[in-house]
Amino acid sequence: MVGNNVSHSNRKTKRKFNPNLKTKRFWSEEEGRWFTLKVTAAGMKTINKKGLAAALKDAVAPKAVY
């Protein structure tokens, strides 16, 4: 995503908004092993809420475009 840096004098220069990516290990109860994933902070919250298997299943499922 792109946007503008706006200075005190109201000059605008282009900037990028980067995702908040972190490397995190998650334990899988189904497989009995650790997975290392690069996920965003919002992705970590989703995994903590739904569980690893459900979050991964939702991530690869095709989305409806309505």
Protein backbone atom coordinates (compact mmCIF):
# COMPACT_ATOMS: atom_id res chain seq x y z
CA MET A 1 0.00 0.00 0.00
CA VAL A 2 1.31 3.47 -0.78
CA GLY A 3 0.61 6.89 0.64
CA ASN A 4 2.27 10.20 1.40
CA ASN A 5 4.62 11.52 4.05
CA VAL A 6 3.35 14.98 4.91
CA SER A 7 5.86 17.42 6.38
CA HIS A 8 5.15 20.37 8.67
CA SER A 9 5.16 22.65 5.60
CA ASN A 10 2.60 20.29 3.98
CA ARG A 11 4.98 18.91 1.31
CA LYS A 12 3.96 15.44 0.21
CA THR A 13 6.44 12.69 -0.68
CA LYS A 14 5.56 9.11 -1.57
CA ARG A 15 5.99 6.35 1.01
CA LYS A 16 5.14 2.66 1.40
CA PHE A 17 3.19 0.99 4.18
CA ASN A 18 4.75 -2.42 4.82
CA PRO A 19 2.98 -5.30 6.61
CA ASN A 20 4.03 -6.02 10.18
CA LEU A 21 5.66 -9.41 9.43
CA LYS A 22 7.13 -11.52 12.21
CA THR A 23 8.70 -15.00 12.20
CA LYS A 24 6.79 -17.14 14.70
CA ARG A 25 6.71 -20.82 15.63
CA PHE A 26 3.32 -22.46 16.13
CA TRP A 27 2.64 -25.89 17.64
CA SER A 28 0.36 -28.17 15.63
CA GLU A 29 -1.61 -30.58 17.82
CA GLU A 30 -2.74 -32.60 14.77
CA GLU A 31 0.79 -33.29 13.51
CA GLY A 32 2.61 -33.05 16.84
CA ARG A 33 5.32 -30.71 15.58
CA TRP A 34 6.32 -27.06 15.32
CA PHE A 35 5.70 -24.91 12.22
CA THR A 36 7.71 -21.76 11.55
CA LEU A 37 5.64 -19.18 9.69
CA LYS A 38 6.12 -15.58 8.62
CA VAL A 39 2.86 -13.98 9.69
CA THR A 40 1.52 -10.50 10.34
CA ALA A 41 0.49 -9.35 13.81
CA ALA A 42 -3.16 -9.61 12.70
CA GLY A 43 -2.46 -13.15 11.45
CA MET A 44 -1.10 -14.13 14.86
CA LYS A 45 -4.28 -12.87 16.51
CA THR A 46 -6.37 -14.91 14.06
CA ILE A 47 -4.33 -18.07 14.72
CA ASN A 48 -4.64 -17.57 18.49
CA LYS A 49 -8.41 -17.12 18.15
CA LYS A 50 -9.27 -19.90 15.66
CA GLY A 51 -6.36 -22.30 16.08
CA LEU A 52 -3.60 -23.13 13.62
CA ALA A 53 -5.41 -25.74 11.52
CA ALA A 54 -8.59 -23.65 11.06
CA ALA A 55 -6.64 -20.48 10.26
CA LEU A 56 -4.49 -22.25 7.65
CA LYS A 57 -7.58 -23.85 6.11
CA ASP A 58 -9.31 -20.44 5.85
CA ALA A 59 -6.14 -18.86 4.38
CA VAL A 60 -5.97 -21.28 1.42
CA ALA A 61 -9.74 -21.45 0.80
CA PRO A 62 -10.93 -19.45 -2.23
CA LYS A 63 -12.79 -16.28 -1.35
CA ALA A 64 -16.19 -15.38 -2.81
CA VAL A 65 -16.09 -12.22 -4.95
CA TYR A 66 -19.56 -10.83 -4.35
